[in-house]
C-alpha atoms as a PDB file:
ATOM      1  CA  MET A   1      85.140  84.798  77.074  1.00  0.00           C
ATOM      2  CA  GLU A   2      88.311  85.018  78.624  1.00  0.00           C
ATOM      3  CA  PRO A   3      90.339  88.379  77.033  1.00  0.00           C
ATOM      4  CA  ALA A   4      86.850  90.297  77.425  1.00  0.00           C
ATOM      5  CA  LEU A   5      87.119  89.696  81.133  1.00  0.00           C
ATOM      6  CA  GLU A   6      90.525  90.179  81.128  1.00  0.00           C
ATOM      7  CA  TRP A   7      90.277  93.779  79.130  1.00  0.00           C
ATOM      8  CA  LEU A   8      87.382  94.626  81.435  1.00  0.00           C
ATOM      9  CA  PHE A   9      89.979  94.039  84.468  1.00  0.00           C
ATOM     10  CA  LYS A  10      92.746  96.534  82.879  1.00  0.00           C
ATOM     11  CA  LEU A  11      90.135  99.162  82.493  1.00  0.00           C
ATOM     12  CA  TYR A  12      88.891  99.062  86.322  1.00  0.00           C
ATOM     13  CA  SER A  13      92.469  98.371  87.435  1.00  0.00           C
ATOM     14  CA  LEU A  14      93.684 101.724  85.232  1.00  0.00           C
ATOM     15  CA  GLY A  15      91.151 103.434  86.229  1.00  0.00           C
ATOM     16  CA  LEU A  16      89.781 104.430  82.623  1.00  0.00           C
ATOM     17  CA  ILE A  17      86.515 103.625  83.363  1.00  0.00           C
ATOM     18  CA  ARG A  18      84.655 106.242  85.801  1.00  0.00           C
ATOM     19  CA  GLY A  19      81.039 106.659  86.074  1.00  0.00           C
ATOM     20  CA  VAL A  20      78.024 105.173  87.564  1.00  0.00           C
ATOM     21  CA  ILE A  21      77.055 101.931  86.639  1.00  0.00           C
ATOM     22  CA  ASP A  22      73.918  99.283  87.442  1.00  0.00           C
ATOM     23  CA  GLY A  23      76.057  97.354  89.333  1.00  0.00           C
ATOM     24  CA  LYS A  24      73.748  94.456  89.733  1.00  0.00           C
ATOM     25  CA  GLU A  25      73.205  94.010  85.903  1.00  0.00           C
ATOM     26  CA  MET A  26      76.649  93.868  84.896  1.00  0.00           C
ATOM     27  CA  ILE A  27      78.097  91.687  88.258  1.00  0.00           C
ATOM     28  CA  GLU A  28      75.125  89.041  86.797  1.00  0.00           C
ATOM     29  CA  ALA A  29      76.318  89.383  83.550  1.00  0.00           C
ATOM     30  CA  VAL A  30      79.805  88.631  84.683  1.00  0.00           C
ATOM     31  CA  TRP A  31      79.355  85.717  86.938  1.00  0.00           C
ATOM     32  CA  LYS A  32      77.160  84.177  84.003  1.00  0.00           C
ATOM     33  CA  SER A  33      80.285  84.087  81.877  1.00  0.00           C
ATOM     34  CA  ALA A  34      81.520  81.731  84.979  1.00  0.00           C
ATOM     35  CA  SER A  35      79.774  78.983  84.119  1.00  0.00           C
ATOM     36  CA  SER A  36      82.213  77.274  81.342  1.00  0.00           C
ATOM     37  CA  GLY A  37      84.166  75.593  83.946  1.00  0.00           C
ATOM     38  CA  GLU A  38      87.719  76.961  82.507  1.00  0.00           C
ATOM     39  CA  ASP A  39      89.926  78.024  85.387  1.00  0.00           C
ATOM     40  CA  VAL A  40      91.473  80.790  83.937  1.00  0.00           C
ATOM     41  CA  VAL A  41      87.513  81.985  83.218  1.00  0.00           C
ATOM     42  CA  ASP A  42      86.788  82.186  86.370  1.00  0.00           C
ATOM     43  CA  LEU A  43      89.966  83.226  87.790  1.00  0.00           C
ATOM     44  CA  ALA A  44      89.047  86.707  85.568  1.00  0.00           C
ATOM     45  CA  VAL A  45      85.600  87.059  86.662  1.00  0.00           C
ATOM     46  CA  LEU A  46      86.794  86.933  90.210  1.00  0.00           C
ATOM     47  CA  LYS A  47      89.106  89.680  89.152  1.00  0.00           C
ATOM     48  CA  VAL A  48      86.626  91.877  87.532  1.00  0.00           C
ATOM     49  CA  ILE A  49      83.726  91.060  90.160  1.00  0.00           C
ATOM     50  CA  PHE A  50      86.713  92.220  93.042  1.00  0.00           C
ATOM     51  CA  SER A  51      87.113  95.433  91.153  1.00  0.00           C
ATOM     52  CA  ALA A  52      83.659  96.064  90.609  1.00  0.00           C
ATOM     53  CA  VAL A  53      83.090  96.053  94.309  1.00  0.00           C
ATOM     54  CA  ARG A  54      86.357  98.178  95.234  1.00  0.00           C
ATOM     55  CA  PHE A  55      85.809 100.504  92.230  1.00  0.00           C
ATOM     56  CA  PRO A  56      81.554 100.736  92.438  1.00  0.00           C
ATOM     57  CA  VAL A  57      81.886 104.370  90.540  1.00  0.00           C
ATOM     58  CA  VAL A  58      82.984 104.181  86.910  1.00  0.00           C
ATOM     59  CA  GLU A  59      82.820 106.702  83.841  1.00  0.00           C
ATOM     60  CA  VAL A  60      83.736 105.602  80.409  1.00  0.00           C
ATOM     61  CA  PRO A  61      86.060 108.316  78.943  1.00  0.00           C
ATOM     62  CA  ASN A  62      86.412 109.364  75.282  1.00  0.00           C
ATOM     63  CA  GLY A  63      86.696 106.405  73.484  1.00  0.00           C
ATOM     64  CA  SER A  64      89.965 107.437  70.790  1.00  0.00           C
ATOM     65  CA  LYS A  65      91.340 108.156  74.255  1.00  0.00           C
ATOM     66  CA  CYS A  66      90.962 105.306  76.321  1.00  0.00           C
ATOM     67  CA  ASP A  67      92.106 102.985  72.969  1.00  0.00           C
ATOM     68  CA  GLU A  68      95.570 104.903  72.842  1.00  0.00           C
ATOM     69  CA  LYS A  69      95.760 104.665  76.579  1.00  0.00           C
ATOM     70  CA  ILE A  70      95.621 100.899  76.514  1.00  0.00           C
ATOM     71  CA  GLY A  71      96.917  99.961  73.133  1.00  0.00           C
ATOM     72  CA  MET A  72      93.830  99.000  71.302  1.00  0.00           C
ATOM     73  CA  ASP A  73      93.326  99.588  67.920  1.00  0.00           C
END
């Protein structure tokens, strides 16, 4: 769970996700993952929620370009 949250945080932070999202549903889904009781996951949840609040409008660019920018295979 923590790696997925870290990638979501990185995508927000790098501005690679842009457009309009349903913030309530996304925040609820991320928040539910905080129930794991692991400090690392809780920190990642807080970082993602903070980023979502700072950047409430997001857009997902072409997947291949996004993959190249963040070094995903």
